[in-house]
Amino acid sequence: MTYLHVALTLLVLSTFGSLIRAIIGPTVWDRLLSIGLGASKVTLAVVLVAVSIPETYLLDLAMLLSILGFLVTVLLARYIERRGLV
């Protein structure tokens, strides 16, 4: 196995850990944090694949995923704060 396979396997396992934390997190803020963390890990996996193969569109996809992950986290935090769901 190459280092890429090992890194992607560890990223997939830790992303599932974040998903489990999002499901059982005791507070809504724990769930929100795990969603942001999962989005970052998926972005990192896309970057690793983009580096391993010579395709530039994957880096554009990674940039789009990171922007969307940030926006989703901020918008959900504002929604939770304004609705008083804490």
PDB file of N, CA and C in Angstrom:
ATOM      1  N   MET A   1       0.835  -1.191   0.000  1.00  0.00           N
ATOM      2  CA  MET A   1       0.000   0.000   0.000  1.00  0.00           C
ATOM      3  C   MET A   1       0.876   1.251   0.000  1.00  0.00           C
ATOM      4  N   THR A   2       0.415   2.223  -0.709  1.00  0.00           N
ATOM      5  CA  THR A   2       1.160   3.478  -0.751  1.00  0.00           C
ATOM      6  C   THR A   2       0.711   4.388   0.391  1.00  0.00           C
ATOM      7  N   TYR A   3       1.469   5.467   0.536  1.00  0.00           N
ATOM      8  CA  TYR A   3       1.119   6.429   1.581  1.00  0.00           C
ATOM      9  C   TYR A   3      -0.229   7.086   1.305  1.00  0.00           C
ATOM     10  N   LEU A   4      -0.559   7.234   0.038  1.00  0.00           N
ATOM     11  CA  LEU A   4      -1.856   7.821  -0.313  1.00  0.00           C
ATOM     12  C   LEU A   4      -3.002   6.950   0.167  1.00  0.00           C
ATOM     13  N   HIS A   5      -2.890   5.649  -0.029  1.00  0.00           N
ATOM     14  CA  HIS A   5      -3.947   4.748   0.427  1.00  0.00           C
ATOM     15  C   HIS A   5      -4.080   4.767   1.944  1.00  0.00           C
ATOM     16  N   VAL A   6      -2.958   4.810   2.625  1.00  0.00           N
ATOM     17  CA  VAL A   6      -2.991   4.857   4.093  1.00  0.00           C
ATOM     18  C   VAL A   6      -3.637   6.161   4.567  1.00  0.00           C
ATOM     19  N   ALA A   7      -3.237   7.273   3.948  1.00  0.00           N
ATOM     20  CA  ALA A   7      -3.788   8.570   4.349  1.00  0.00           C
ATOM     21  C   ALA A   7      -5.290   8.641   4.068  1.00  0.00           C
ATOM     22  N   LEU A   8      -5.713   8.155   2.905  1.00  0.00           N
ATOM     23  CA  LEU A   8      -7.145   8.181   2.583  1.00  0.00           C
ATOM     24  C   LEU A   8      -7.943   7.263   3.496  1.00  0.00           C
ATOM     25  N   THR A   9      -7.374   6.120   3.848  1.00  0.00           N
ATOM     26  CA  THR A   9      -8.066   5.206   4.768  1.00  0.00           C
ATOM     27  C   THR A   9      -8.244   5.854   6.138  1.00  0.00           C
ATOM     28  N   LEU A  10      -7.187   6.499   6.631  1.00  0.00           N
ATOM     29  CA  LEU A  10      -7.298   7.175   7.925  1.00  0.00           C
ATOM     30  C   LEU A  10      -8.284   8.337   7.874  1.00  0.00           C
ATOM     31  N   LEU A  11      -8.312   9.046   6.746  1.00  0.00           N
ATOM     32  CA  LEU A  11      -9.283  10.142   6.611  1.00  0.00           C
ATOM     33  C   LEU A  11     -10.713   9.620   6.586  1.00  0.00           C
ATOM     34  N   VAL A  12     -10.938   8.517   5.909  1.00  0.00           N
ATOM     35  CA  VAL A  12     -12.290   7.940   5.861  1.00  0.00           C
ATOM     36  C   VAL A  12     -12.724   7.488   7.257  1.00  0.00           C
ATOM     37  N   LEU A  13     -11.823   6.850   7.979  1.00  0.00           N
ATOM     38  CA  LEU A  13     -12.166   6.399   9.331  1.00  0.00           C
ATOM     39  C   LEU A  13     -12.447   7.572  10.259  1.00  0.00           C
ATOM     40  N   SER A  14     -11.635   8.615  10.173  1.00  0.00           N
ATOM     41  CA  SER A  14     -11.881   9.764  11.043  1.00  0.00           C
ATOM     42  C   SER A  14     -13.129  10.542  10.626  1.00  0.00           C
ATOM     43  N   THR A  15     -13.467  10.512   9.333  1.00  0.00           N
ATOM     44  CA  THR A  15     -14.707  11.153   8.891  1.00  0.00           C
ATOM     45  C   THR A  15     -15.916  10.405   9.439  1.00  0.00           C
ATOM     46  N   PHE A  16     -15.840   9.077   9.479  1.00  0.00           N
ATOM     47  CA  PHE A  16     -16.927   8.321  10.100  1.00  0.00           C
ATOM     48  C   PHE A  16     -17.015   8.609  11.594  1.00  0.00           C
ATOM     49  N   GLY A  17     -15.872   8.846  12.230  1.00  0.00           N
ATOM     50  CA  GLY A  17     -15.885   9.260  13.634  1.00  0.00           C
ATOM     51  C   GLY A  17     -16.590  10.592  13.822  1.00  0.00           C
ATOM     52  N   SER A  18     -16.360  11.514  12.909  1.00  0.00           N
ATOM     53  CA  SER A  18     -17.054  12.799  12.969  1.00  0.00           C
ATOM     54  C   SER A  18     -18.551  12.623  12.742  1.00  0.00           C
ATOM     55  N   LEU A  19     -18.907  11.720  11.840  1.00  0.00           N
ATOM     56  CA  LEU A  19     -20.323  11.449  11.588  1.00  0.00           C
ATOM     57  C   LEU A  19     -21.003  10.861  12.816  1.00  0.00           C
ATOM     58  N   ILE A  20     -20.324   9.970  13.487  1.00  0.00           N
ATOM     59  CA  ILE A  20     -20.883   9.392  14.715  1.00  0.00           C
ATOM     60  C   ILE A  20     -21.046  10.479  15.774  1.00  0.00           C
ATOM     61  N   ARG A  21     -20.059  11.374  15.851  1.00  0.00           N
ATOM     62  CA  ARG A  21     -20.159  12.474  16.813  1.00  0.00           C
ATOM     63  C   ARG A  21     -21.324  13.400  16.474  1.00  0.00           C
ATOM     64  N   ALA A  22     -21.588  13.579  15.185  1.00  0.00           N
ATOM     65  CA  ALA A  22     -22.717  14.418  14.776  1.00  0.00           C
ATOM     66  C   ALA A  22     -24.040  13.763  15.154  1.00  0.00           C
ATOM     67  N   ILE A  23     -24.085  12.462  15.146  1.00  0.00           N
ATOM     68  CA  ILE A  23     -25.330  11.760  15.471  1.00  0.00           C
ATOM     69  C   ILE A  23     -25.576  11.741  16.974  1.00  0.00           C
ATOM     70  N   ILE A  24     -24.547  11.433  17.771  1.00  0.00           N
ATOM     71  CA  ILE A  24     -24.762  11.258  19.208  1.00  0.00           C
ATOM     72  C   ILE A  24     -24.316  12.444  20.049  1.00  0.00           C
ATOM     73  N   GLY A  25     -23.817  13.507  19.407  1.00  0.00           N
ATOM     74  CA  GLY A  25     -23.327  14.662  20.161  1.00  0.00           C
ATOM     75  C   GLY A  25     -24.350  15.164  21.159  1.00  0.00           C
ATOM     76  N   PRO A  26     -23.943  15.387  22.403  1.00  0.00           N
ATOM     77  CA  PRO A  26     -24.936  15.782  23.412  1.00  0.00           C
ATOM     78  C   PRO A  26     -25.532  17.173  23.179  1.00  0.00           C
ATOM     79  N   THR A  27     -24.770  18.084  22.585  1.00  0.00           N
ATOM     80  CA  THR A  27     -25.313  19.412  22.344  1.00  0.00           C
ATOM     81  C   THR A  27     -25.335  19.695  20.849  1.00  0.00           C
ATOM     82  N   VAL A  28     -26.097  20.696  20.487  1.00  0.00           N
ATOM     83  CA  VAL A  28     -26.197  21.067  19.088  1.00  0.00           C
ATOM     84  C   VAL A  28     -24.876  21.661  18.590  1.00  0.00           C
ATOM     85  N   TRP A  29     -24.104  22.259  19.484  1.00  0.00           N
ATOM     86  CA  TRP A  29     -22.815  22.829  19.090  1.00  0.00           C
ATOM     87  C   TRP A  29     -21.808  21.736  18.776  1.00  0.00           C
ATOM     88  N   ASP A  30     -21.875  20.606  19.498  1.00  0.00           N
ATOM     89  CA  ASP A  30     -21.021  19.461  19.158  1.00  0.00           C
ATOM     90  C   ASP A  30     -21.350  18.933  17.768  1.00  0.00           C
ATOM     91  N   ARG A  31     -22.624  18.886  17.461  1.00  0.00           N
ATOM     92  CA  ARG A  31     -23.040  18.423  16.133  1.00  0.00           C
ATOM     93  C   ARG A  31     -22.565  19.378  15.044  1.00  0.00           C
ATOM     94  N   LEU A  32     -22.669  20.667  15.295  1.00  0.00           N
ATOM     95  CA  LEU A  32     -22.237  21.659  14.326  1.00  0.00           C
ATOM     96  C   LEU A  32     -20.726  21.587  14.101  1.00  0.00           C
ATOM     97  N   LEU A  33     -19.981  21.434  15.163  1.00  0.00           N
ATOM     98  CA  LEU A  33     -18.531  21.328  15.053  1.00  0.00           C
ATOM     99  C   LEU A  33     -18.123  20.081  14.281  1.00  0.00           C
ATOM    100  N   SER A  34     -18.803  18.979  14.499  1.00  0.00           N
ATOM    101  CA  SER A  34     -18.458  17.751  13.782  1.00  0.00           C
ATOM    102  C   SER A  34     -18.830  17.830  12.302  1.00  0.00           C
ATOM    103  N   ILE A  35     -19.854  18.580  11.954  1.00  0.00           N
ATOM    104  CA  ILE A  35     -20.187  18.780  10.543  1.00  0.00           C
ATOM    105  C   ILE A  35     -19.094  19.581   9.853  1.00  0.00           C
ATOM    106  N   GLY A  36     -18.620  20.628  10.492  1.00  0.00           N
ATOM    107  CA  GLY A  36     -17.516  21.409   9.930  1.00  0.00           C
ATOM    108  C   GLY A  36     -16.239  20.603   9.808  1.00  0.00           C
ATOM    109  N   LEU A  37     -15.966  19.779  10.808  1.00  0.00           N
ATOM    110  CA  LEU A  37     -14.786  18.934  10.775  1.00  0.00           C
ATOM    111  C   LEU A  37     -14.877  17.892   9.665  1.00  0.00           C
ATOM    112  N   GLY A  38     -16.050  17.325   9.481  1.00  0.00           N
ATOM    113  CA  GLY A  38     -16.239  16.352   8.402  1.00  0.00           C
ATOM    114  C   GLY A  38     -16.057  16.977   7.029  1.00  0.00           C
ATOM    115  N   ALA A  39     -16.541  18.203   6.867  1.00  0.00           N
ATOM    116  CA  ALA A  39     -16.365  18.899   5.589  1.00  0.00           C
ATOM    117  C   ALA A  39     -14.889  19.174   5.320  1.00  0.00           C
ATOM    118  N   SER A  40     -14.146  19.511   6.351  1.00  0.00           N
ATOM    119  CA  SER A  40     -12.710  19.746   6.184  1.00  0.00           C
ATOM    120  C   SER A  40     -11.977  18.464   5.806  1.00  0.00           C
ATOM    121  N   LYS A  41     -12.377  17.361   6.383  1.00  0.00           N
ATOM    122  CA  LYS A  41     -11.724  16.090   6.072  1.00  0.00           C
ATOM    123  C   LYS A  41     -12.036  15.624   4.653  1.00  0.00           C
ATOM    124  N   VAL A  42     -13.244  15.843   4.202  1.00  0.00           N
ATOM    125  CA  VAL A  42     -13.585  15.503   2.817  1.00  0.00           C
ATOM    126  C   VAL A  42     -12.794  16.376   1.852  1.00  0.00           C
ATOM    127  N   THR A  43     -12.646  17.649   2.180  1.00  0.00           N
ATOM    128  CA  THR A  43     -11.840  18.550   1.349  1.00  0.00           C
ATOM    129  C   THR A  43     -10.389  18.084   1.294  1.00  0.00           C
ATOM    130  N   LEU A  44      -9.846  17.667   2.416  1.00  0.00           N
ATOM    131  CA  LEU A  44      -8.479  17.179   2.448  1.00  0.00           C
ATOM    132  C   LEU A  44      -8.324  15.908   1.615  1.00  0.00           C
ATOM    133  N   ALA A  45      -9.324  15.041   1.645  1.00  0.00           N
ATOM    134  CA  ALA A  45      -9.262  13.829   0.826  1.00  0.00           C
ATOM    135  C   ALA A  45      -9.257  14.164  -0.658  1.00  0.00           C
ATOM    136  N   VAL A  46     -10.038  15.141  -1.062  1.00  0.00           N
ATOM    137  CA  VAL A  46     -10.055  15.552  -2.470  1.00  0.00           C
ATOM    138  C   VAL A  46      -8.713  16.154  -2.863  1.00  0.00           C
ATOM    139  N   VAL A  47      -8.102  16.929  -1.969  1.00  0.00           N
ATOM    140  CA  VAL A  47      -6.789  17.502  -2.252  1.00  0.00           C
ATOM    141  C   VAL A  47      -5.734  16.406  -2.392  1.00  0.00           C
ATOM    142  N   LEU A  48      -5.785  15.394  -1.543  1.00  0.00           N
ATOM    143  CA  LEU A  48      -4.835  14.291  -1.649  1.00  0.00           C
ATOM    144  C   LEU A  48      -4.977  13.555  -2.976  1.00  0.00           C
ATOM    145  N   VAL A  49      -6.194  13.328  -3.399  1.00  0.00           N
ATOM    146  CA  VAL A  49      -6.406  12.670  -4.686  1.00  0.00           C
ATOM    147  C   VAL A  49      -5.945  13.571  -5.825  1.00  0.00           C
ATOM    148  N   ALA A  50      -6.183  14.871  -5.712  1.00  0.00           N
ATOM    149  CA  ALA A  50      -5.770  15.815  -6.756  1.00  0.00           C
ATOM    150  C   ALA A  50      -4.255  15.871  -6.884  1.00  0.00           C
ATOM    151  N   VAL A  51      -3.549  15.733  -5.783  1.00  0.00           N
ATOM    152  CA  VAL A  51      -2.099  15.748  -5.840  1.00  0.00           C
ATOM    153  C   VAL A  51      -1.560  14.463  -6.464  1.00  0.00           C
ATOM    154  N   SER A  52      -2.237  13.365  -6.225  1.00  0.00           N
ATOM    155  CA  SER A  52      -1.738  12.084  -6.725  1.00  0.00           C
ATOM    156  C   SER A  52      -1.970  11.893  -8.224  1.00  0.00           C
ATOM    157  N   ILE A  53      -3.019  12.498  -8.765  1.00  0.00           N
ATOM    158  CA  ILE A  53      -3.250  12.402 -10.209  1.00  0.00           C
ATOM    159  C   ILE A  53      -3.185  13.805 -10.800  1.00  0.00           C
ATOM    160  N   PRO A  54      -2.714  13.934 -12.015  1.00  0.00           N
ATOM    161  CA  PRO A  54      -2.531  15.294 -12.574  1.00  0.00           C
ATOM    162  C   PRO A  54      -3.811  15.892 -13.158  1.00  0.00           C
ATOM    163  N   GLU A  55      -4.800  16.131 -12.314  1.00  0.00           N
ATOM    164  CA  GLU A  55      -6.050  16.760 -12.754  1.00  0.00           C
ATOM    165  C   GLU A  55      -6.264  18.040 -11.951  1.00  0.00           C
ATOM    166  N   THR A  56      -6.343  19.146 -12.655  1.00  0.00           N
ATOM    167  CA  THR A  56      -6.456  20.428 -11.953  1.00  0.00           C
ATOM    168  C   THR A  56      -7.873  20.744 -11.508  1.00  0.00           C
ATOM    169  N   TYR A  57      -8.865  20.130 -12.135  1.00  0.00           N
ATOM    170  CA  TYR A  57     -10.240  20.438 -11.748  1.00  0.00           C
ATOM    171  C   TYR A  57     -10.552  19.943 -10.337  1.00  0.00           C
ATOM    172  N   LEU A  58      -9.808  18.975  -9.843  1.00  0.00           N
ATOM    173  CA  LEU A  58     -10.052  18.488  -8.488  1.00  0.00           C
ATOM    174  C   LEU A  58      -9.657  19.533  -7.441  1.00  0.00           C
ATOM    175  N   LEU A  59      -8.661  20.321  -7.734  1.00  0.00           N
ATOM    176  CA  LEU A  59      -8.314  21.404  -6.805  1.00  0.00           C
ATOM    177  C   LEU A  59      -9.393  22.475  -6.783  1.00  0.00           C
ATOM    178  N   ASP A  60     -10.020  22.726  -7.925  1.00  0.00           N
ATOM    179  CA  ASP A  60     -11.156  23.648  -7.947  1.00  0.00           C
ATOM    180  C   ASP A  60     -12.318  23.093  -7.130  1.00  0.00           C
ATOM    181  N   LEU A  61     -12.537  21.800  -7.256  1.00  0.00           N
ATOM    182  CA  LEU A  61     -13.587  21.147  -6.468  1.00  0.00           C
ATOM    183  C   LEU A  61     -13.286  21.228  -4.979  1.00  0.00           C
ATOM    184  N   ALA A  62     -12.025  21.047  -4.611  1.00  0.00           N
ATOM    185  CA  ALA A  62     -11.640  21.140  -3.201  1.00  0.00           C
ATOM    186  C   ALA A  62     -11.869  22.543  -2.662  1.00  0.00           C
ATOM    187  N   MET A  63     -11.559  23.552  -3.475  1.00  0.00           N
ATOM    188  CA  MET A  63     -11.789  24.922  -3.045  1.00  0.00           C
ATOM    189  C   MET A  63     -13.285  25.190  -2.869  1.00  0.00           C
ATOM    190  N   LEU A  64     -14.089  24.684  -3.779  1.00  0.00           N
ATOM    191  CA  LEU A  64     -15.540  24.836  -3.667  1.00  0.00           C
ATOM    192  C   LEU A  64     -16.073  24.138  -2.423  1.00  0.00           C
ATOM    193  N   LEU A  65     -15.576  22.932  -2.144  1.00  0.00           N
ATOM    194  CA  LEU A  65     -16.014  22.204  -0.952  1.00  0.00           C
ATOM    195  C   LEU A  65     -15.638  22.946   0.328  1.00  0.00           C
ATOM    196  N   SER A  66     -14.456  23.532   0.359  1.00  0.00           N
ATOM    197  CA  SER A  66     -14.064  24.243   1.572  1.00  0.00           C
ATOM    198  C   SER A  66     -14.908  25.499   1.786  1.00  0.00           C
ATOM    199  N   ILE A  67     -15.218  26.198   0.710  1.00  0.00           N
ATOM    200  CA  ILE A  67     -16.066  27.390   0.839  1.00  0.00           C
ATOM    201  C   ILE A  67     -17.471  26.999   1.282  1.00  0.00           C
ATOM    202  N   LEU A  68     -18.019  25.945   0.681  1.00  0.00           N
ATOM    203  CA  LEU A  68     -19.358  25.499   1.073  1.00  0.00           C
ATOM    204  C   LEU A  68     -19.393  25.000   2.511  1.00  0.00           C
ATOM    205  N   GLY A  69     -18.359  24.282   2.938  1.00  0.00           N
ATOM    206  CA  GLY A  69     -18.299  23.812   4.319  1.00  0.00           C
ATOM    207  C   GLY A  69     -18.263  24.958   5.307  1.00  0.00           C
ATOM    208  N   PHE A  70     -17.501  25.996   4.987  1.00  0.00           N
ATOM    209  CA  PHE A  70     -17.438  27.172   5.850  1.00  0.00           C
ATOM    210  C   PHE A  70     -18.786  27.879   5.902  1.00  0.00           C
ATOM    211  N   LEU A  71     -19.404  28.073   4.743  1.00  0.00           N
ATOM    212  CA  LEU A  71     -20.687  28.772   4.709  1.00  0.00           C
ATOM    213  C   LEU A  71     -21.772  28.002   5.456  1.00  0.00           C
ATOM    214  N   VAL A  72     -21.803  26.694   5.297  1.00  0.00           N
ATOM    215  CA  VAL A  72     -22.808  25.886   5.998  1.00  0.00           C
ATOM    216  C   VAL A  72     -22.608  25.992   7.511  1.00  0.00           C
ATOM    217  N   THR A  73     -21.362  25.941   7.949  1.00  0.00           N
ATOM    218  CA  THR A  73     -21.092  26.044   9.378  1.00  0.00           C
ATOM    219  C   THR A  73     -21.518  27.401   9.933  1.00  0.00           C
ATOM    220  N   VAL A  74     -21.183  28.462   9.228  1.00  0.00           N
ATOM    221  CA  VAL A  74     -21.543  29.805   9.699  1.00  0.00           C
ATOM    222  C   VAL A  74     -23.050  30.008   9.679  1.00  0.00           C
ATOM    223  N   LEU A  75     -23.701  29.589   8.609  1.00  0.00           N
ATOM    224  CA  LEU A  75     -25.151  29.786   8.516  1.00  0.00           C
ATOM    225  C   LEU A  75     -25.910  28.961   9.549  1.00  0.00           C
ATOM    226  N   LEU A  76     -25.479  27.738   9.785  1.00  0.00           N
ATOM    227  CA  LEU A  76     -26.133  26.935  10.823  1.00  0.00           C
ATOM    228  C   LEU A  76     -25.901  27.525  12.209  1.00  0.00           C
ATOM    229  N   ALA A  77     -24.716  28.044  12.452  1.00  0.00           N
ATOM    230  CA  ALA A  77     -24.445  28.662  13.757  1.00  0.00           C
ATOM    231  C   ALA A  77     -25.317  29.897  13.969  1.00  0.00           C
ATOM    232  N   ARG A  78     -25.473  30.697  12.931  1.00  0.00           N
ATOM    233  CA  ARG A  78     -26.345  31.879  13.052  1.00  0.00           C
ATOM    234  C   ARG A  78     -27.804  31.464  13.259  1.00  0.00           C
ATOM    235  N   TYR A  79     -28.243  30.433  12.558  1.00  0.00           N
ATOM    236  CA  TYR A  79     -29.616  29.962  12.714  1.00  0.00           C
ATOM    237  C   TYR A  79     -29.844  29.452  14.135  1.00  0.00           C
ATOM    238  N   ILE A  80     -28.922  28.674  14.637  1.00  0.00           N
ATOM    239  CA  ILE A  80     -29.077  28.136  15.985  1.00  0.00           C
ATOM    240  C   ILE A  80     -29.063  29.254  17.019  1.00  0.00           C
ATOM    241  N   GLU A  81     -28.188  30.212  16.827  1.00  0.00           N
ATOM    242  CA  GLU A  81     -28.094  31.323  17.779  1.00  0.00           C
ATOM    243  C   GLU A  81     -29.355  32.190  17.781  1.00  0.00           C
ATOM    244  N   ARG A  82     -29.904  32.468  16.627  1.00  0.00           N
ATOM    245  CA  ARG A  82     -31.087  33.341  16.548  1.00  0.00           C
ATOM    246  C   ARG A  82     -32.362  32.646  16.965  1.00  0.00           C
ATOM    247  N   ARG A  83     -32.470  31.366  16.717  1.00  0.00           N
ATOM    248  CA  ARG A  83     -33.674  30.627  17.104  1.00  0.00           C
ATOM    249  C   ARG A  83     -33.655  30.188  18.559  1.00  0.00           C
ATOM    250  N   GLY A  84     -32.498  30.242  19.191  1.00  0.00           N
ATOM    251  CA  GLY A  84     -32.411  29.850  20.592  1.00  0.00           C
ATOM    252  C   GLY A  84     -32.558  28.364  20.788  1.00  0.00           C
ATOM    253  N   LEU A  85     -31.947  27.572  19.918  1.00  0.00           N
ATOM    254  CA  LEU A  85     -32.064  26.116  20.013  1.00  0.00           C
ATOM    255  C   LEU A  85     -31.059  25.500  20.971  1.00  0.00           C
ATOM    256  N   VAL A  86     -30.338  26.332  21.694  1.00  0.00           N
ATOM    257  CA  VAL A  86     -29.312  25.797  22.605  1.00  0.00           C
ATOM    258  C   VAL A  86     -29.950  25.360  23.888  1.00  0.00           C
TER     259      VAL A  86
END
